[in-house]
PDB file of N, CA and C in Angstrom:
ATOM      1  N   MET A   1     197.335 206.522 215.591  1.00  0.00           N
ATOM      2  CA  MET A   1     196.611 205.335 215.191  1.00  0.00           C
ATOM      3  C   MET A   1     196.627 204.314 216.326  1.00  0.00           C
ATOM      4  N   LYS A   2     195.571 203.539 216.378  1.00  0.00           N
ATOM      5  CA  LYS A   2     195.446 202.482 217.380  1.00  0.00           C
ATOM      6  C   LYS A   2     195.112 201.173 216.655  1.00  0.00           C
ATOM      7  N   LEU A   3     195.439 200.063 217.302  1.00  0.00           N
ATOM      8  CA  LEU A   3     195.131 198.743 216.755  1.00  0.00           C
ATOM      9  C   LEU A   3     194.418 197.937 217.814  1.00  0.00           C
ATOM     10  N   LYS A   4     193.250 197.355 217.445  1.00  0.00           N
ATOM     11  CA  LYS A   4     192.454 196.561 218.363  1.00  0.00           C
ATOM     12  C   LYS A   4     192.282 195.164 217.797  1.00  0.00           C
ATOM     13  N   ASN A   5     192.089 194.189 218.684  1.00  0.00           N
ATOM     14  CA  ASN A   5     191.772 192.827 218.218  1.00  0.00           C
ATOM     15  C   ASN A   5     190.283 192.679 218.066  1.00  0.00           C
ATOM     16  N   SER A   6     189.828 191.499 217.668  1.00  0.00           N
ATOM     17  CA  SER A   6     188.406 191.273 217.390  1.00  0.00           C
ATOM     18  C   SER A   6     187.517 191.379 218.615  1.00  0.00           C
ATOM     19  N   GLN A   7     188.103 191.251 219.816  1.00  0.00           N
ATOM     20  CA  GLN A   7     187.332 191.410 221.053  1.00  0.00           C
ATOM     21  C   GLN A   7     187.334 192.859 221.552  1.00  0.00           C
ATOM     22  N   GLY A   8     188.006 193.743 220.810  1.00  0.00           N
ATOM     23  CA  GLY A   8     188.045 195.140 221.196  1.00  0.00           C
ATOM     24  C   GLY A   8     189.187 195.521 222.134  1.00  0.00           C
ATOM     25  N   HIS A   9     190.062 194.556 222.439  1.00  0.00           N
ATOM     26  CA  HIS A   9     191.215 194.856 223.298  1.00  0.00           C
ATOM     27  C   HIS A   9     192.236 195.683 222.537  1.00  0.00           C
ATOM     28  N   LEU A  10     192.765 196.692 223.180  1.00  0.00           N
ATOM     29  CA  LEU A  10     193.786 197.557 222.575  1.00  0.00           C
ATOM     30  C   LEU A  10     195.111 196.821 222.505  1.00  0.00           C
ATOM     31  N   ILE A  11     195.665 196.701 221.300  1.00  0.00           N
ATOM     32  CA  ILE A  11     196.953 196.036 221.095  1.00  0.00           C
ATOM     33  C   ILE A  11     198.071 197.071 221.026  1.00  0.00           C
ATOM     34  N   ALA A  12     197.799 198.163 220.321  1.00  0.00           N
ATOM     35  CA  ALA A  12     198.776 199.246 220.187  1.00  0.00           C
ATOM     36  C   ALA A  12     198.020 200.569 220.244  1.00  0.00           C
ATOM     37  N   GLU A  13     198.519 201.470 221.051  1.00  0.00           N
ATOM     38  CA  GLU A  13     197.825 202.747 221.274  1.00  0.00           C
ATOM     39  C   GLU A  13     198.417 203.907 220.482  1.00  0.00           C
ATOM     40  N   ASN A  14     199.712 203.838 220.218  1.00  0.00           N
ATOM     41  CA  ASN A  14     200.403 204.943 219.556  1.00  0.00           C
ATOM     42  C   ASN A  14     201.344 204.367 218.498  1.00  0.00           C
ATOM     43  N   ILE A  15     200.783 204.124 217.302  1.00  0.00           N
ATOM     44  CA  ILE A  15     201.531 203.458 216.211  1.00  0.00           C
ATOM     45  C   ILE A  15     202.221 204.493 215.342  1.00  0.00           C
ATOM     46  N   LYS A  16     203.478 204.237 215.046  1.00  0.00           N
ATOM     47  CA  LYS A  16     204.197 205.041 214.064  1.00  0.00           C
ATOM     48  C   LYS A  16     204.116 204.305 212.730  1.00  0.00           C
ATOM     49  N   LEU A  17     203.828 205.022 211.656  1.00  0.00           N
ATOM     50  CA  LEU A  17     203.680 204.432 210.327  1.00  0.00           C
ATOM     51  C   LEU A  17     204.971 204.568 209.537  1.00  0.00           C
ATOM     52  N   ALA A  18     205.401 203.465 208.944  1.00  0.00           N
ATOM     53  CA  ALA A  18     206.550 203.460 208.028  1.00  0.00           C
ATOM     54  C   ALA A  18     206.020 203.059 206.661  1.00  0.00           C
ATOM     55  N   ASP A  19     205.771 204.052 205.801  1.00  0.00           N
ATOM     56  CA  ASP A  19     205.191 203.745 204.496  1.00  0.00           C
ATOM     57  C   ASP A  19     205.993 204.293 203.336  1.00  0.00           C
ATOM     58  N   SER A  20     207.047 205.047 203.608  1.00  0.00           N
ATOM     59  CA  SER A  20     207.929 205.530 202.540  1.00  0.00           C
ATOM     60  C   SER A  20     209.117 204.594 202.414  1.00  0.00           C
ATOM     61  N   PHE A  21     209.834 204.682 201.319  1.00  0.00           N
ATOM     62  CA  PHE A  21     210.997 203.824 201.118  1.00  0.00           C
ATOM     63  C   PHE A  21     211.981 203.978 202.277  1.00  0.00           C
ATOM     64  N   PHE A  22     212.307 205.216 202.623  1.00  0.00           N
ATOM     65  CA  PHE A  22     213.314 205.454 203.649  1.00  0.00           C
ATOM     66  C   PHE A  22     212.841 205.000 205.030  1.00  0.00           C
ATOM     67  N   SER A  23     211.604 205.314 205.400  1.00  0.00           N
ATOM     68  CA  SER A  23     211.113 204.921 206.731  1.00  0.00           C
ATOM     69  C   SER A  23     211.006 203.407 206.861  1.00  0.00           C
ATOM     70  N   ARG A  24     210.663 202.713 205.767  1.00  0.00           N
ATOM     71  CA  ARG A  24     210.611 201.249 205.785  1.00  0.00           C
ATOM     72  C   ARG A  24     212.010 200.667 205.845  1.00  0.00           C
ATOM     73  N   LEU A  25     212.962 201.299 205.148  1.00  0.00           N
ATOM     74  CA  LEU A  25     214.336 200.826 205.140  1.00  0.00           C
ATOM     75  C   LEU A  25     214.973 200.920 206.533  1.00  0.00           C
ATOM     76  N   ILE A  26     214.779 202.019 207.216  1.00  0.00           N
ATOM     77  CA  ILE A  26     215.374 202.247 208.533  1.00  0.00           C
ATOM     78  C   ILE A  26     214.620 201.508 209.638  1.00  0.00           C
ATOM     79  N   GLY A  27     213.277 201.559 209.612  1.00  0.00           N
ATOM     80  CA  GLY A  27     212.497 200.868 210.628  1.00  0.00           C
ATOM     81  C   GLY A  27     212.943 201.223 212.032  1.00  0.00           C
ATOM     82  N   LEU A  28     213.301 200.223 212.819  1.00  0.00           N
ATOM     83  CA  LEU A  28     213.761 200.418 214.202  1.00  0.00           C
ATOM     84  C   LEU A  28     215.284 200.282 214.339  1.00  0.00           C
ATOM     85  N   MET A  29     215.985 200.210 213.224  1.00  0.00           N
ATOM     86  CA  MET A  29     217.439 200.066 213.283  1.00  0.00           C
ATOM     87  C   MET A  29     218.062 201.271 214.003  1.00  0.00           C
ATOM     88  N   PHE A  30     219.086 200.995 214.793  1.00  0.00           N
ATOM     89  CA  PHE A  30     219.872 202.013 215.502  1.00  0.00           C
ATOM     90  C   PHE A  30     219.106 202.760 216.572  1.00  0.00           C
ATOM     91  N   LYS A  31     217.855 202.416 216.803  1.00  0.00           N
ATOM     92  CA  LYS A  31     217.018 203.160 217.747  1.00  0.00           C
ATOM     93  C   LYS A  31     217.048 202.522 219.130  1.00  0.00           C
ATOM     94  N   GLU A  32     216.835 203.346 220.133  1.00  0.00           N
ATOM     95  CA  GLU A  32     216.693 202.870 221.509  1.00  0.00           C
ATOM     96  C   GLU A  32     215.307 202.229 221.646  1.00  0.00           C
ATOM     97  N   PRO A  33     215.084 201.479 222.710  1.00  0.00           N
ATOM     98  CA  PRO A  33     213.736 200.920 222.923  1.00  0.00           C
ATOM     99  C   PRO A  33     212.650 201.990 222.799  1.00  0.00           C
ATOM    100  N   LEU A  34     211.500 201.579 222.325  1.00  0.00           N
ATOM    101  CA  LEU A  34     210.418 202.490 221.992  1.00  0.00           C
ATOM    102  C   LEU A  34     209.993 203.348 223.192  1.00  0.00           C
ATOM    103  N   SER A  35     209.867 204.659 222.960  1.00  0.00           N
ATOM    104  CA  SER A  35     209.389 205.556 224.014  1.00  0.00           C
ATOM    105  C   SER A  35     208.366 206.548 223.464  1.00  0.00           C
ATOM    106  N   GLU A  36     208.587 207.084 222.251  1.00  0.00           N
ATOM    107  CA  GLU A  36     207.658 208.055 221.687  1.00  0.00           C
ATOM    108  C   GLU A  36     206.431 207.394 221.058  1.00  0.00           C
ATOM    109  N   PHE A  37     206.518 206.106 220.749  1.00  0.00           N
ATOM    110  CA  PHE A  37     205.425 205.328 220.189  1.00  0.00           C
ATOM    111  C   PHE A  37     205.571 203.904 220.705  1.00  0.00           C
ATOM    112  N   ASP A  38     204.491 203.099 220.625  1.00  0.00           N
ATOM    113  CA  ASP A  38     204.566 201.752 221.200  1.00  0.00           C
ATOM    114  C   ASP A  38     204.731 200.659 220.159  1.00  0.00           C
ATOM    115  N   SER A  39     204.610 201.005 218.869  1.00  0.00           N
ATOM    116  CA  SER A  39     204.787 200.016 217.806  1.00  0.00           C
ATOM    117  C   SER A  39     205.066 200.721 216.488  1.00  0.00           C
ATOM    118  N   LEU A  40     205.564 199.939 215.528  1.00  0.00           N
ATOM    119  CA  LEU A  40     205.861 200.473 214.201  1.00  0.00           C
ATOM    120  C   LEU A  40     205.118 199.620 213.187  1.00  0.00           C
ATOM    121  N   LEU A  41     204.280 200.257 212.363  1.00  0.00           N
ATOM    122  CA  LEU A  41     203.543 199.581 211.290  1.00  0.00           C
ATOM    123  C   LEU A  41     204.303 199.815 209.995  1.00  0.00           C
ATOM    124  N   ILE A  42     204.773 198.737 209.367  1.00  0.00           N
ATOM    125  CA  ILE A  42     205.515 198.812 208.124  1.00  0.00           C
ATOM    126  C   ILE A  42     204.632 198.319 206.991  1.00  0.00           C
ATOM    127  N   LYS A  43     204.340 199.188 206.068  1.00  0.00           N
ATOM    128  CA  LYS A  43     203.523 198.848 204.892  1.00  0.00           C
ATOM    129  C   LYS A  43     204.397 198.204 203.822  1.00  0.00           C
ATOM    130  N   LYS A  44     203.765 197.431 202.920  1.00  0.00           N
ATOM    131  CA  LYS A  44     204.453 196.761 201.815  1.00  0.00           C
ATOM    132  C   LYS A  44     205.606 195.928 202.322  1.00  0.00           C
ATOM    133  N   CYS A  45     205.314 195.000 203.222  1.00  0.00           N
ATOM    134  CA  CYS A  45     206.377 194.222 203.873  1.00  0.00           C
ATOM    135  C   CYS A  45     205.896 192.795 204.120  1.00  0.00           C
ATOM    136  N   ASN A  46     206.736 191.815 203.754  1.00  0.00           N
ATOM    137  CA  ASN A  46     206.407 190.422 204.043  1.00  0.00           C
ATOM    138  C   ASN A  46     207.579 189.653 204.628  1.00  0.00           C
ATOM    139  N   SER A  47     208.622 190.368 205.043  1.00  0.00           N
ATOM    140  CA  SER A  47     209.784 189.777 205.705  1.00  0.00           C
ATOM    141  C   SER A  47     210.532 190.912 206.413  1.00  0.00           C
ATOM    142  N   ILE A  48     211.114 190.607 207.548  1.00  0.00           N
ATOM    143  CA  ILE A  48     211.877 191.638 208.273  1.00  0.00           C
ATOM    144  C   ILE A  48     213.229 191.077 208.734  1.00  0.00           C
ATOM    145  N   HIS A  49     214.102 191.979 209.098  1.00  0.00           N
ATOM    146  CA  HIS A  49     215.363 191.598 209.752  1.00  0.00           C
ATOM    147  C   HIS A  49     215.552 192.491 210.973  1.00  0.00           C
ATOM    148  N   THR A  50     216.429 192.055 211.853  1.00  0.00           N
ATOM    149  CA  THR A  50     216.723 192.849 213.037  1.00  0.00           C
ATOM    150  C   THR A  50     218.206 193.247 213.094  1.00  0.00           C
ATOM    151  N   PHE A  51     218.835 193.360 211.931  1.00  0.00           N
ATOM    152  CA  PHE A  51     220.209 193.816 211.853  1.00  0.00           C
ATOM    153  C   PHE A  51     220.284 195.226 212.418  1.00  0.00           C
ATOM    154  N   PHE A  52     221.339 195.532 213.146  1.00  0.00           N
ATOM    155  CA  PHE A  52     221.604 196.846 213.733  1.00  0.00           C
ATOM    156  C   PHE A  52     220.566 197.276 214.766  1.00  0.00           C
ATOM    157  N   MET A  53     219.792 196.340 215.275  1.00  0.00           N
ATOM    158  CA  MET A  53     218.826 196.669 216.327  1.00  0.00           C
ATOM    159  C   MET A  53     219.463 196.441 217.686  1.00  0.00           C
ATOM    160  N   LYS A  54     218.967 197.161 218.687  1.00  0.00           N
ATOM    161  CA  LYS A  54     219.542 197.119 220.030  1.00  0.00           C
ATOM    162  C   LYS A  54     218.739 196.279 220.997  1.00  0.00           C
ATOM    163  N   TYR A  55     217.602 195.737 220.557  1.00  0.00           N
ATOM    164  CA  TYR A  55     216.735 194.992 221.468  1.00  0.00           C
ATOM    165  C   TYR A  55     215.869 194.023 220.658  1.00  0.00           C
ATOM    166  N   PRO A  56     215.356 192.967 221.311  1.00  0.00           N
ATOM    167  CA  PRO A  56     214.484 192.020 220.590  1.00  0.00           C
ATOM    168  C   PRO A  56     213.074 192.589 220.383  1.00  0.00           C
ATOM    169  N   ILE A  57     212.379 192.036 219.402  1.00  0.00           N
ATOM    170  CA  ILE A  57     211.034 192.532 219.088  1.00  0.00           C
ATOM    171  C   ILE A  57     210.043 191.379 218.895  1.00  0.00           C
ATOM    172  N   ASP A  58     208.754 191.711 219.045  1.00  0.00           N
ATOM    173  CA  ASP A  58     207.653 190.843 218.690  1.00  0.00           C
ATOM    174  C   ASP A  58     207.079 191.402 217.390  1.00  0.00           C
ATOM    175  N   VAL A  59     206.621 190.503 216.496  1.00  0.00           N
ATOM    176  CA  VAL A  59     206.185 190.939 215.167  1.00  0.00           C
ATOM    177  C   VAL A  59     204.893 190.213 214.766  1.00  0.00           C
ATOM    178  N   ILE A  60     203.956 190.972 214.196  1.00  0.00           N
ATOM    179  CA  ILE A  60     202.756 190.399 213.605  1.00  0.00           C
ATOM    180  C   ILE A  60     202.794 190.678 212.096  1.00  0.00           C
ATOM    181  N   PHE A  61     202.718 189.646 211.286  1.00  0.00           N
ATOM    182  CA  PHE A  61     202.578 189.784 209.838  1.00  0.00           C
ATOM    183  C   PHE A  61     201.098 189.708 209.509  1.00  0.00           C
ATOM    184  N   MET A  62     200.600 190.662 208.699  1.00  0.00           N
ATOM    185  CA  MET A  62     199.188 190.744 208.373  1.00  0.00           C
ATOM    186  C   MET A  62     198.973 190.898 206.881  1.00  0.00           C
ATOM    187  N   ASN A  63     197.791 190.531 206.410  1.00  0.00           N
ATOM    188  CA  ASN A  63     197.443 190.802 205.017  1.00  0.00           C
ATOM    189  C   ASN A  63     196.864 192.214 204.911  1.00  0.00           C
ATOM    190  N   LYS A  64     196.384 192.572 203.717  1.00  0.00           N
ATOM    191  CA  LYS A  64     195.894 193.944 203.505  1.00  0.00           C
ATOM    192  C   LYS A  64     194.655 194.271 204.339  1.00  0.00           C
ATOM    193  N   ASN A  65     193.935 193.233 204.811  1.00  0.00           N
ATOM    194  CA  ASN A  65     192.743 193.431 205.637  1.00  0.00           C
ATOM    195  C   ASN A  65     193.048 193.310 207.138  1.00  0.00           C
ATOM    196  N   PHE A  66     194.297 193.319 207.505  1.00  0.00           N
ATOM    197  CA  PHE A  66     194.756 193.219 208.897  1.00  0.00           C
ATOM    198  C   PHE A  66     194.448 191.850 209.524  1.00  0.00           C
ATOM    199  N   LYS A  67     194.343 190.819 208.687  1.00  0.00           N
ATOM    200  CA  LYS A  67     194.216 189.457 209.192  1.00  0.00           C
ATOM    201  C   LYS A  67     195.603 188.951 209.544  1.00  0.00           C
ATOM    202  N   VAL A  68     195.766 188.396 210.740  1.00  0.00           N
ATOM    203  CA  VAL A  68     197.068 187.921 211.216  1.00  0.00           C
ATOM    204  C   VAL A  68     197.448 186.652 210.455  1.00  0.00           C
ATOM    205  N   ILE A  69     198.590 186.717 209.773  1.00  0.00           N
ATOM    206  CA  ILE A  69     199.107 185.598 208.987  1.00  0.00           C
ATOM    207  C   ILE A  69     200.150 184.814 209.780  1.00  0.00           C
ATOM    208  N   ARG A  70     201.020 185.534 210.507  1.00  0.00           N
ATOM    209  CA  ARG A  70     202.098 184.883 211.251  1.00  0.00           C
ATOM    210  C   ARG A  70     202.503 185.794 212.396  1.00  0.00           C
ATOM    211  N   ILE A  71     202.914 185.184 213.513  1.00  0.00           N
ATOM    212  CA  ILE A  71     203.388 185.925 214.686  1.00  0.00           C
ATOM    213  C   ILE A  71     204.773 185.387 215.052  1.00  0.00           C
ATOM    214  N   TYR A  72     205.698 186.291 215.257  1.00  0.00           N
ATOM    215  CA  TYR A  72     207.023 185.953 215.781  1.00  0.00           C
ATOM    216  C   TYR A  72     207.180 186.675 217.108  1.00  0.00           C
ATOM    217  N   ARG A  73     207.647 185.998 218.109  1.00  0.00           N
ATOM    218  CA  ARG A  73     207.890 186.617 219.410  1.00  0.00           C
ATOM    219  C   ARG A  73     209.378 186.543 219.766  1.00  0.00           C
ATOM    220  N   ASN A  74     209.853 187.643 220.368  1.00  0.00           N
ATOM    221  CA  ASN A  74     211.220 187.713 220.883  1.00  0.00           C
ATOM    222  C   ASN A  74     212.287 187.437 219.818  1.00  0.00           C
ATOM    223  N   ILE A  75     212.176 188.118 218.679  1.00  0.00           N
ATOM    224  CA  ILE A  75     213.213 188.007 217.641  1.00  0.00           C
ATOM    225  C   ILE A  75     214.399 188.845 218.114  1.00  0.00           C
ATOM    226  N   LYS A  76     215.510 188.214 218.326  1.00  0.00           N
ATOM    227  CA  LYS A  76     216.698 188.886 218.822  1.00  0.00           C
ATOM    228  C   LYS A  76     217.392 189.673 217.709  1.00  0.00           C
ATOM    229  N   PRO A  77     218.242 190.649 218.081  1.00  0.00           N
ATOM    230  CA  PRO A  77     218.996 191.393 217.070  1.00  0.00           C
ATOM    231  C   PRO A  77     219.837 190.449 216.201  1.00  0.00           C
ATOM    232  N   TRP A  78     220.052 190.885 214.965  1.00  0.00           N
ATOM    233  CA  TRP A  78     220.863 190.163 213.979  1.00  0.00           C
ATOM    234  C   TRP A  78     220.210 188.880 213.497  1.00  0.00           C
ATOM    235  N   ARG A  79     218.878 188.864 213.412  1.00  0.00           N
ATOM    236  CA  ARG A  79     218.140 187.731 212.869  1.00  0.00           C
ATOM    237  C   ARG A  79     217.288 188.225 211.694  1.00  0.00           C
ATOM    238  N   MET A  80     216.712 187.296 210.968  1.00  0.00           N
ATOM    239  CA  MET A  80     215.765 187.658 209.907  1.00  0.00           C
ATOM    240  C   MET A  80     214.697 186.585 209.807  1.00  0.00           C
ATOM    241  N   THR A  81     213.530 186.997 209.312  1.00  0.00           N
ATOM    242  CA  THR A  81     212.430 186.047 209.131  1.00  0.00           C
ATOM    243  C   THR A  81     212.431 185.560 207.683  1.00  0.00           C
ATOM    244  N   ARG A  82     211.743 184.468 207.472  1.00  0.00           N
ATOM    245  CA  ARG A  82     211.493 184.012 206.115  1.00  0.00           C
ATOM    246  C   ARG A  82     210.410 184.929 205.504  1.00  0.00           C
ATOM    247  N   ILE A  83     210.226 184.826 204.206  1.00  0.00           N
ATOM    248  CA  ILE A  83     209.131 185.533 203.553  1.00  0.00           C
ATOM    249  C   ILE A  83     207.824 184.915 204.065  1.00  0.00           C
ATOM    250  N   VAL A  84     206.895 185.757 204.440  1.00  0.00           N
ATOM    251  CA  VAL A  84     205.579 185.309 204.898  1.00  0.00           C
ATOM    252  C   VAL A  84     204.610 185.548 203.746  1.00  0.00           C
ATOM    253  N   PHE A  85     204.294 184.496 203.016  1.00  0.00           N
ATOM    254  CA  PHE A  85     203.425 184.625 201.852  1.00  0.00           C
ATOM    255  C   PHE A  85     202.023 185.031 202.284  1.00  0.00           C
ATOM    256  N   GLY A  86     201.471 186.000 201.587  1.00  0.00           N
ATOM    257  CA  GLY A  86     200.153 186.533 201.905  1.00  0.00           C
ATOM    258  C   GLY A  86     200.217 187.786 202.771  1.00  0.00           C
ATOM    259  N   ALA A  87     201.352 188.024 203.411  1.00  0.00           N
ATOM    260  CA  ALA A  87     201.497 189.206 204.257  1.00  0.00           C
ATOM    261  C   ALA A  87     201.828 190.436 203.402  1.00  0.00           C
ATOM    262  N   THR A  88     201.232 191.568 203.756  1.00  0.00           N
ATOM    263  CA  THR A  88     201.520 192.821 203.056  1.00  0.00           C
ATOM    264  C   THR A  88     201.970 193.916 204.001  1.00  0.00           C
ATOM    265  N   GLN A  89     201.893 193.644 205.298  1.00  0.00           N
ATOM    266  CA  GLN A  89     202.305 194.638 206.298  1.00  0.00           C
ATOM    267  C   GLN A  89     202.680 193.941 207.596  1.00  0.00           C
ATOM    268  N   VAL A  90     203.442 194.666 208.387  1.00  0.00           N
ATOM    269  CA  VAL A  90     203.998 194.132 209.628  1.00  0.00           C
ATOM    270  C   VAL A  90     203.844 195.178 210.710  1.00  0.00           C
ATOM    271  N   ILE A  91     203.585 194.716 211.923  1.00  0.00           N
ATOM    272  CA  ILE A  91     203.643 195.647 213.058  1.00  0.00           C
ATOM    273  C   ILE A  91     204.657 195.082 214.051  1.00  0.00           C
ATOM    274  N   GLU A  92     205.580 195.931 214.485  1.00  0.00           N
ATOM    275  CA  GLU A  92     206.659 195.530 215.380  1.00  0.00           C
ATOM    276  C   GLU A  92     206.476 196.175 216.743  1.00  0.00           C
ATOM    277  N   PHE A  93     206.761 195.381 217.801  1.00  0.00           N
ATOM    278  CA  PHE A  93     206.671 195.827 219.196  1.00  0.00           C
ATOM    279  C   PHE A  93     207.976 195.464 219.893  1.00  0.00           C
ATOM    280  N   GLU A  94     208.268 196.121 221.006  1.00  0.00           N
ATOM    281  CA  GLU A  94     209.347 195.635 221.864  1.00  0.00           C
ATOM    282  C   GLU A  94     208.959 194.250 222.333  1.00  0.00           C
ATOM    283  N   ALA A  95     209.925 193.345 222.456  1.00  0.00           N
ATOM    284  CA  ALA A  95     209.624 191.988 222.903  1.00  0.00           C
ATOM    285  C   ALA A  95     208.890 192.008 224.240  1.00  0.00           C
ATOM    286  N   GLY A  96     207.848 191.188 224.336  1.00  0.00           N
ATOM    287  CA  GLY A  96     207.058 191.101 225.547  1.00  0.00           C
ATOM    288  C   GLY A  96     205.882 192.050 225.606  1.00  0.00           C
ATOM    289  N   LYS A  97     205.795 192.993 224.697  1.00  0.00           N
ATOM    290  CA  LYS A  97     204.700 193.984 224.704  1.00  0.00           C
ATOM    291  C   LYS A  97     203.468 193.525 223.934  1.00  0.00           C
ATOM    292  N   LEU A  98     203.602 192.497 223.106  1.00  0.00           N
ATOM    293  CA  LEU A  98     202.468 191.989 222.327  1.00  0.00           C
ATOM    294  C   LEU A  98     201.597 191.097 223.190  1.00  0.00           C
ATOM    295  N   LEU A  99     200.288 191.352 223.192  1.00  0.00           N
ATOM    296  CA  LEU A  99     199.362 190.546 223.979  1.00  0.00           C
ATOM    297  C   LEU A  99     199.474 189.075 223.606  1.00  0.00           C
ATOM    298  N   SER A 100     199.447 188.209 224.610  1.00  0.00           N
ATOM    299  CA  SER A 100     199.605 186.764 224.361  1.00  0.00           C
ATOM    300  C   SER A 100     198.378 186.158 223.690  1.00  0.00           C
ATOM    301  N   GLU A 101     197.206 186.781 223.793  1.00  0.00           N
ATOM    302  CA  GLU A 101     195.996 186.200 223.202  1.00  0.00           C
ATOM    303  C   GLU A 101     195.822 186.462 221.711  1.00  0.00           C
ATOM    304  N   ILE A 102     196.739 187.229 221.090  1.00  0.00           N
ATOM    305  CA  ILE A 102     196.661 187.462 219.650  1.00  0.00           C
ATOM    306  C   ILE A 102     196.978 186.138 218.945  1.00  0.00           C
ATOM    307  N   ALA A 103     196.162 185.771 217.957  1.00  0.00           N
ATOM    308  CA  ALA A 103     196.322 184.481 217.293  1.00  0.00           C
ATOM    309  C   ALA A 103     196.305 184.609 215.782  1.00  0.00           C
ATOM    310  N   VAL A 104     196.964 183.672 215.114  1.00  0.00           N
ATOM    311  CA  VAL A 104     196.933 183.612 213.658  1.00  0.00           C
ATOM    312  C   VAL A 104     195.471 183.401 213.225  1.00  0.00           C
ATOM    313  N   GLY A 105     195.075 184.114 212.188  1.00  0.00           N
ATOM    314  CA  GLY A 105     193.698 184.036 211.674  1.00  0.00           C
ATOM    315  C   GLY A 105     192.806 185.148 212.194  1.00  0.00           C
ATOM    316  N   GLU A 106     193.205 185.800 213.264  1.00  0.00           N
ATOM    317  CA  GLU A 106     192.397 186.874 213.846  1.00  0.00           C
ATOM    318  C   GLU A 106     192.470 188.114 212.954  1.00  0.00           C
ATOM    319  N   GLU A 107     191.343 188.821 212.835  1.00  0.00           N
ATOM    320  CA  GLU A 107     191.334 190.081 212.075  1.00  0.00           C
ATOM    321  C   GLU A 107     191.422 191.242 213.047  1.00  0.00           C
ATOM    322  N   LEU A 108     192.414 192.072 212.840  1.00  0.00           N
ATOM    323  CA  LEU A 108     192.632 193.242 213.702  1.00  0.00           C
ATOM    324  C   LEU A 108     191.992 194.466 213.047  1.00  0.00           C
ATOM    325  N   GLU A 109     191.814 195.502 213.850  1.00  0.00           N
ATOM    326  CA  GLU A 109     191.193 196.712 213.352  1.00  0.00           C
ATOM    327  C   GLU A 109     192.071 197.920 213.628  1.00  0.00           C
ATOM    328  N   LEU A 110     192.425 198.655 212.570  1.00  0.00           N
ATOM    329  CA  LEU A 110     193.210 199.872 212.695  1.00  0.00           C
ATOM    330  C   LEU A 110     192.261 201.046 212.848  1.00  0.00           C
ATOM    331  N   CYS A 111     192.445 201.813 213.911  1.00  0.00           N
ATOM    332  CA  CYS A 111     191.585 202.969 214.213  1.00  0.00           C
ATOM    333  C   CYS A 111     192.446 204.228 214.066  1.00  0.00           C
ATOM    334  N   ILE A 112     192.004 205.127 213.220  1.00  0.00           N
ATOM    335  CA  ILE A 112     192.684 206.413 213.075  1.00  0.00           C
ATOM    336  C   ILE A 112     192.160 207.314 214.196  1.00  0.00           C
ATOM    337  N   ASN A 113     193.061 207.857 215.001  1.00  0.00           N
ATOM    338  CA  ASN A 113     192.664 208.661 216.160  1.00  0.00           C
ATOM    339  C   ASN A 113     191.649 209.617 215.737  1.00  0.00           C
TER     340      ASN A 113
END
């Protein structure tokens, strides 16, 4: 899966999906920095934590239509976000990998390879 912004710029090229209870529970915990994929899309999610993580992350909270509700950059390990009302999914990146031009209110597009 790929994710593009409204201008067609590629945001994520190789997304791993976390949509089961177990995959959402584990997320990026205990994992080394991303190498097999460039981001993790977590379904049914409106808050995250970085407990047991080894590196900081950038996070986009989106609604069901992939509209950006909130962006967090450089969340360090052992932190948590507040509940983001209206968000139903999250995409996580290694810190610094999220394009700086992504903005709240923008609608992103998920492309199935």
